[in-house]
Protein backbone atom coordinates (compact mmCIF):
# COMPACT_ATOMS: atom_id res chain seq x y z
CA MET A 1 -12.41 -3.97 -35.99
CA ILE A 2 -10.29 -0.54 -35.39
CA ALA A 3 -7.54 0.82 -36.02
CA ALA A 4 -5.17 3.46 -34.01
CA SER A 5 -6.30 5.97 -36.08
CA ASP A 6 -10.03 5.79 -34.68
CA PHE A 7 -8.41 6.72 -31.31
CA ILE A 8 -9.86 9.89 -30.19
CA ARG A 9 -7.37 12.13 -28.09
CA LEU A 10 -8.56 14.12 -25.42
CA PRO A 11 -7.09 16.69 -24.05
CA TYR A 12 -5.84 16.58 -19.72
CA THR A 13 -6.89 19.74 -18.12
CA HIS A 14 -5.84 20.31 -13.79
CA ASP A 15 -9.71 20.65 -13.26
CA LEU A 16 -10.30 16.82 -14.14
CA THR A 17 -8.18 15.88 -11.35
CA GLU A 18 -9.83 18.59 -8.91
CA ALA A 19 -13.15 16.83 -9.96
CA GLY A 20 -11.59 13.02 -9.39
CA ILE A 21 -10.00 13.78 -6.01
CA ALA A 22 -13.49 15.59 -4.90
CA TYR A 23 -15.43 12.52 -6.21
CA ALA A 24 -12.90 9.58 -4.82
CA LEU A 25 -13.21 11.27 -1.02
CA LYS A 26 -16.71 11.46 -1.53
CA SER A 27 -16.68 8.23 -2.30
CA LEU A 28 -14.42 6.79 0.39
CA SER A 29 -17.51 6.15 3.00
CA HIS A 30 -18.45 3.07 1.21
CA MET A 31 -15.57 2.32 -0.99
CA TYR A 32 -14.45 -1.25 -0.62
CA THR A 33 -10.66 -2.36 -0.52
CA ARG A 34 -10.19 -5.85 -1.66
CA MET A 35 -7.73 -8.01 1.29
CA GLY A 36 -4.54 -6.92 0.78
CA GLY A 37 -5.00 -4.00 -1.07
CA ASN A 38 -3.85 -0.31 -1.09
CA PRO A 39 -7.09 1.79 -0.43
CA TYR A 40 -4.55 4.87 -1.70
CA ASP A 41 -3.74 3.10 -4.87
CA ARG A 42 -7.97 2.35 -5.16
CA LEU A 43 -8.35 6.23 -4.41
CA ARG A 44 -6.39 7.23 -7.59
CA ARG A 45 -7.74 4.70 -9.89
CA VAL A 46 -11.71 6.45 -8.99
CA VAL A 47 -9.58 9.81 -9.42
CA ALA A 48 -8.44 8.92 -12.61
CA SER A 49 -11.60 6.84 -13.90
CA THR A 50 -13.74 10.14 -12.89
CA ALA A 51 -11.31 12.37 -14.76
CA VAL A 52 -11.72 10.44 -18.05
CA GLU A 53 -15.98 10.10 -17.26
CA LEU A 54 -15.97 14.24 -17.18
CA ALA A 55 -13.35 14.60 -20.19
CA PHE A 56 -16.16 12.06 -22.38
CA ARG A 57 -19.24 14.36 -21.30
CA ARG A 58 -16.85 17.66 -22.11
CA HIS A 59 -16.38 15.78 -25.49
CA LEU A 60 -19.93 15.13 -26.51
CA SER A 61 -20.93 18.52 -25.52
CA GLU A 62 -18.33 20.26 -27.82
CA GLN A 63 -18.80 17.93 -30.78
CA ASN A 64 -23.03 18.56 -30.33
CA ILE A 65 -23.57 14.97 -29.57
CA PRO A 66 -26.56 14.47 -27.34
CA PHE A 67 -26.83 12.61 -24.57
CA ASP A 68 -28.61 11.98 -21.00
CA ILE A 69 -27.17 11.83 -17.27
CA LYS A 70 -29.07 8.93 -15.42
CA SER A 71 -28.21 7.15 -12.24
CA ALA A 72 -26.28 4.83 -11.89
CA ALA A 73 -26.61 1.01 -11.59
CA PRO A 74 -27.31 -0.29 -8.05
CA PHE A 75 -24.11 -2.02 -7.53
CA THR A 76 -22.30 1.31 -8.03
CA ASP A 77 -21.99 3.93 -5.37
CA PRO A 78 -25.66 6.17 -4.36
CA ASN A 79 -23.79 9.08 -5.85
CA ARG A 80 -22.64 7.79 -9.19
CA TYR A 81 -24.24 9.04 -12.67
CA ASP A 82 -23.38 7.19 -16.21
CA VAL A 83 -24.14 8.92 -19.57
CA ALA A 84 -26.84 7.44 -21.74
CA LEU A 85 -26.47 7.68 -25.21
CA GLY A 86 -29.36 7.30 -27.27
CA GLY A 87 -31.39 6.17 -24.27
CA ARG A 88 -28.67 3.39 -23.78
CA ARG A 89 -26.30 3.92 -20.63
CA CYS A 90 -22.64 4.05 -21.39
CA ASP A 91 -20.16 2.50 -19.01
CA ILE A 92 -16.72 3.63 -19.31
CA GLN A 93 -14.30 1.18 -18.76
CA SER A 94 -10.83 3.43 -18.08
CA PHE A 95 -7.39 2.26 -17.59
CA PHE A 96 -4.92 4.37 -15.86
CA ILE A 97 -1.42 3.86 -17.15
CA SER A 98 1.14 5.32 -15.09
CA ARG A 99 4.39 3.65 -15.87
CA ARG A 100 6.92 6.27 -17.58
CA GLU A 101 8.74 3.67 -20.06
CA GLN A 102 4.44 2.01 -20.99
CA ILE A 103 3.37 5.79 -21.51
CA SER A 104 6.56 6.42 -23.88
CA GLU A 105 5.94 3.60 -25.56
CA MET A 106 2.14 4.39 -26.38
CA LYS A 107 3.13 7.90 -27.17
CA ARG A 108 5.69 6.40 -30.19
CA ASN A 109 3.38 3.58 -30.89
CA PRO A 110 -0.33 3.65 -30.33
CA ARG A 111 -1.16 0.35 -32.10
CA ILE A 112 0.38 -1.48 -29.41
CA ILE A 113 -3.05 -0.66 -27.53
CA LEU A 114 -4.66 -2.67 -30.40
CA SER A 115 -3.38 -6.05 -28.99
CA ALA A 116 -4.44 -5.00 -25.19
CA PRO A 117 -7.60 -6.82 -23.64
CA ALA A 118 -10.88 -4.53 -23.11
CA LEU A 119 -11.77 -5.89 -19.54
CA VAL A 120 -15.00 -5.63 -17.70
CA PRO A 121 -14.97 -7.29 -14.22
CA SER A 122 -17.10 -10.49 -14.31
CA GLU A 123 -19.10 -8.84 -10.96
CA ARG A 124 -19.91 -5.85 -12.85
CA ASN A 125 -20.97 -7.51 -15.73
CA ALA A 126 -22.98 -9.73 -14.26
CA ALA A 127 -24.59 -7.19 -11.59
CA GLU A 128 -28.61 -6.21 -11.89
CA GLY A 129 -29.69 -3.15 -13.77
CA HIS A 130 -27.57 -3.89 -16.96
CA SER A 131 -28.94 -4.69 -20.40
CA ASP A 132 -27.89 -6.37 -23.34
CA SER A 133 -27.75 -2.97 -25.38
CA ASP A 134 -25.79 -0.95 -23.06
CA ILE A 135 -22.76 0.38 -23.99
CA TYR A 136 -19.26 -0.31 -23.07
CA LEU A 137 -16.70 1.98 -23.88
CA PHE A 138 -13.45 1.97 -23.16
CA ALA A 139 -10.98 4.24 -22.56
CA PHE A 140 -6.96 4.85 -21.63
CA LEU A 141 -5.30 7.87 -19.27
CA SER A 142 -1.88 8.35 -19.50
CA GLY A 143 -0.60 10.26 -16.04
CA LEU A 144 1.87 10.14 -13.27
CA VAL A 145 1.60 9.78 -9.82
CA ALA A 146 3.94 10.88 -6.82
CA ALA A 147 3.11 8.31 -4.26
CA SER A 148 6.38 8.04 -2.51
CA ARG A 149 7.90 10.19 -0.20
CA GLU A 150 10.31 10.77 -2.93
CA ASP A 151 8.77 11.48 -5.54
CA LEU A 152 6.28 13.89 -3.50
CA LYS A 153 9.21 15.98 -2.68
CA LYS A 154 10.59 16.31 -6.24
CA ALA A 155 6.78 16.96 -7.36
CA ILE A 156 6.47 20.09 -4.70
CA GLY A 157 10.25 20.88 -5.72
CA ALA A 158 8.64 21.36 -9.33
CA GLY A 159 5.89 23.25 -8.24
CA GLN A 160 3.31 20.55 -9.11
CA SER A 161 -0.08 20.30 -6.69
CA HIS A 162 -0.52 17.34 -4.59
CA TYR A 163 -3.30 16.30 -2.44
CA LEU A 164 -2.19 14.48 1.07
CA ILE A 165 -4.64 12.62 2.85
CA HIS A 166 -4.66 9.56 5.42
CA ALA A 167 -7.49 7.12 5.10
CA MET A 168 -9.51 6.39 8.57
CA PRO A 169 -9.33 2.21 9.34
CA ASP A 170 -13.00 0.74 8.13
CA ALA A 171 -14.17 0.66 11.71
CA TRP A 172 -13.80 4.51 11.66
CA ILE A 173 -15.13 4.69 8.53
CA ARG A 174 -18.12 2.56 8.45
CA PRO A 175 -18.55 1.81 12.44
CA ALA A 176 -20.78 -0.62 13.33
CA GLN A 177 -23.42 1.19 15.55
CA TRP A 178 -24.37 4.81 14.04
CA ASN A 179 -23.72 6.74 17.21
CA PRO A 180 -22.22 10.30 17.67
CA LEU A 181 -18.43 10.22 18.07
CA GLY A 182 -18.46 13.08 20.50
CA ALA A 183 -15.19 15.11 21.54
CA LEU A 184 -12.12 14.18 19.73
CA VAL A 185 -8.66 14.79 21.01
CA LEU A 186 -5.80 15.51 18.50
CA LYS A 187 -2.23 15.28 19.67
CA SER A 188 1.12 16.46 18.03
CA GLU A 189 4.90 15.55 18.57
CA GLY A 190 5.87 18.08 16.18
CA GLU A 191 7.79 20.70 17.01
CA GLU A 192 5.59 23.34 14.95
CA ALA A 193 1.69 23.91 14.56
CA PHE A 194 -0.24 23.04 12.03
CA ALA A 195 -3.23 23.06 10.32
CA LEU A 196 -5.73 20.04 9.53
CA GLU A 197 -8.88 19.15 7.59
CA LEU A 198 -10.91 16.63 9.44
CA ASN A 199 -13.30 14.37 7.10
CA GLY A 200 -16.67 12.16 7.97
CA GLN A 201 -20.07 11.88 7.96
CA ASP A 202 -22.87 13.48 10.57
CA GLU A 203 -25.84 11.68 11.64
CA LYS A 204 -27.63 12.22 8.29
CA ARG A 205 -24.80 10.33 6.42
CA GLU A 206 -24.11 13.98 4.88
CA LEU A 207 -20.52 14.81 4.36
CA HIS A 208 -19.01 16.89 7.31
CA SER A 209 -15.81 18.51 7.59
CA LEU A 210 -13.78 21.10 9.67
CA GLU A 211 -10.27 22.50 9.88
CA ALA A 212 -8.15 22.15 13.15
CA VAL A 213 -4.91 23.53 14.22
CA ILE A 214 -2.73 21.24 16.78
CA PRO A 215 -0.26 23.68 18.28
CA SER A 216 3.49 22.52 18.50
CA ARG A 217 4.04 19.64 20.92
CA GLY A 218 0.40 19.99 22.50
CA GLN A 219 -3.06 19.01 21.63
CA ILE A 220 -6.40 20.37 21.30
CA GLU A 221 -10.03 19.00 21.81
CA ILE A 222 -12.53 19.40 19.16
CA LEU A 223 -16.48 19.10 19.70
CA ASN A 224 -18.20 18.11 16.23
CA GLU A 225 -20.76 16.46 14.69
CA PHE A 226 -18.88 13.78 13.47
CA PHE A 227 -20.45 10.06 13.01
CA SER A 228 -18.13 8.61 11.29
CA LEU A 229 -14.26 9.81 10.63
CA THR A 230 -13.09 8.66 6.60
CA HIS A 231 -9.89 10.81 6.30
CA PHE A 232 -7.29 13.42 7.38
CA HIS A 233 -6.21 16.05 4.75
CA ALA A 234 -2.85 18.11 5.44
CA LYS A 235 -1.85 20.80 2.81
CA THR A 236 1.95 20.01 3.50
CA PRO A 237 3.86 16.57 4.62
CA LEU A 238 3.80 15.99 8.24
CA ASP A 239 6.87 14.55 9.80
CA SER A 240 6.08 13.66 12.67
CA GLN A 241 3.16 11.40 14.60
CA ILE A 242 -0.18 12.65 15.60
CA SER A 243 -3.01 10.72 17.35
CA VAL A 244 -6.89 11.25 17.69
CA HIS A 245 -8.46 9.81 20.44
CA CYS A 246 -12.30 9.32 20.75
CA SER A 247 -13.61 8.81 24.21
CA GLN A 248 -17.00 7.45 22.89
CA ARG A 249 -14.78 4.59 20.84
CA LYS A 250 -12.44 4.40 23.93
CA GLU A 251 -9.65 4.17 21.07
CA SER A 252 -6.78 6.05 19.92
CA HIS A 253 -5.47 6.03 16.47
CA PHE A 254 -1.91 7.45 15.56
CA ILE A 255 -0.79 8.33 12.24
CA ASN A 256 2.88 8.27 11.51
CA ALA A 257 4.45 10.68 8.94
CA SER A 258 4.82 7.75 6.57
CA ASP A 259 1.36 7.32 6.57
CA TRP A 260 -0.04 9.81 4.79
CA SER A 261 -0.40 9.50 0.48
CA ASN A 262 -0.76 11.94 -2.32
CA ILE A 263 -3.84 10.78 -4.25
CA GLN A 264 -2.93 13.74 -6.98
CA VAL A 265 -3.18 12.18 -10.22
CA TYR A 266 -0.94 13.95 -12.85
CA GLY A 267 -2.65 13.23 -16.40
CA MET A 268 -1.62 13.67 -19.59
CA GLU A 269 -3.75 11.95 -22.24
CA ILE A 270 -6.66 10.50 -22.62
CA LEU A 271 -7.61 7.98 -25.35
CA LEU A 272 -10.95 6.68 -26.30
CA VAL A 273 -10.36 3.50 -27.99
CA GLY A 274 -13.81 1.90 -28.88
CA PHE A 275 -16.72 0.18 -28.34
CA LEU A 276 -19.67 -2.59 -27.77
CA THR A 277 -23.03 -3.48 -26.81
CA ARG A 278 -22.75 -5.32 -23.79
CA GLU A 279 -24.24 -8.12 -25.68
CA GLU A 280 -21.57 -7.96 -28.42
CA PHE A 281 -19.27 -7.65 -25.88
CA VAL A 282 -20.39 -11.04 -23.77
CA HIS A 283 -20.51 -13.03 -27.27
CA LYS A 284 -16.95 -12.65 -28.14
CA ALA A 285 -15.51 -12.00 -24.40
CA LYS A 286 -13.38 -14.93 -22.95
CA PRO A 287 -12.51 -15.07 -19.46
CA VAL A 288 -9.66 -13.42 -17.38
CA SER A 289 -8.21 -15.20 -13.96
CA GLU A 290 -7.34 -12.99 -10.94
CA GLY A 291 -3.80 -12.52 -10.48
CA THR A 292 -3.20 -12.31 -14.32
CA ARG A 293 -0.63 -10.12 -15.98
CA VAL A 294 -2.25 -7.92 -18.62
CA PHE A 295 -1.22 -4.63 -20.48
CA GLN A 296 -2.95 -2.23 -18.09
CA TYR A 297 -1.78 -4.29 -14.93
CA ASP A 298 0.59 -6.47 -13.31
CA LYS A 299 -1.63 -8.24 -11.91
CA THR A 300 -6.04 -8.16 -12.72
CA ARG A 301 -7.37 -7.53 -8.91
CA THR A 302 -10.63 -9.74 -9.53
CA LYS A 303 -11.75 -11.69 -12.30
CA ASN A 304 -12.90 -9.92 -15.52
CA LEU A 305 -13.97 -10.28 -19.28
CA ALA A 306 -11.94 -9.80 -22.21
CA VAL A 307 -12.14 -8.73 -25.66
CA SER A 308 -8.85 -7.67 -27.74
CA ILE A 309 -8.97 -3.76 -27.95
CA SER A 310 -8.64 -4.67 -31.79
CA GLU A 311 -11.88 -5.84 -32.08
CA LEU A 312 -13.96 -3.14 -30.58
CA LYS A 313 -15.72 -0.66 -32.89
CA PRO A 314 -14.98 2.72 -33.71
CA LEU A 315 -16.49 5.21 -31.62
CA ALA A 316 -17.03 7.83 -34.86
CA GLU A 317 -19.57 5.34 -35.77
CA LEU A 318 -21.42 5.21 -32.78
CA PHE A 319 -21.23 9.20 -32.34
CA ALA A 320 -22.45 9.20 -36.32
CA ARG A 321 -25.58 7.23 -35.50
CA ILE A 322 -26.78 9.19 -32.20
CA LYS A 323 -26.36 12.42 -34.20
CA GLU A 324 -28.79 10.79 -36.74
CA MET A 325 -31.24 9.82 -34.38
CA LYS A 326 -31.58 13.41 -32.99
CA GLN A 327 -32.40 14.60 -36.46
């Protein structure tokens, strides 16, 4: 059993978001978005979870807690690596809290977190590559987003950073046949020229990007090495439609001004709340159906197993044990 006083608070720095964005965009080529899901919400969650994992590693280093980095389990993407403590994989389950009133309540009374569920997706728990001795570690990140155009305008006006992208449809991100896209024609309806960054994969499925400047009410043809096109990145909001035409696909894709989204996460604080081994978690856990309202979400997006946060063990206990093992 834990108390709110057992929570470990970690500071949030801007470079955590930068690392999170880089990883989220890198993972876009194999990211699966459930039917009806918003890919940009999913990307922001990946940004947040990556930031938590990086902050966790920094904390371990700062506290001289020995750890290793291991390739992740097969169900995750090939670029993912997990922390191992005492030879046991540490699977961090982090929850991004972005509602202002909830953030204020957590700050005023952190004890409310104790009644929240510690969630692990059932599919993740059942996947291959797990061991009963694996560690499930639970964390919360409080922070804001500027997803709407109005909120984005306020963030820019306040001098806040932003990162605008347009994710391409699945058929462009993961084409059925791995053939070169050939020449791409970009066309603008805008009154001013602007720069865009195109991102995708080359023949060897390595990340590939290039910058292009589209003239006002004009078009450019780009000869490139893309075999897939994952997303566009714009440094400033666009007020007009652009299109990309691929002769090889015999298809055009249109991007309206409202089709861009800011995936920047404005993090505030990270709370490492507690842990259980996978065996302990499964023994205590109860199922949570998809679509259930919980502390972290208005609706859960998948089936989960859950244990009350109050039933977790203090992380100080785990860290002390790891230090003793190395002495």
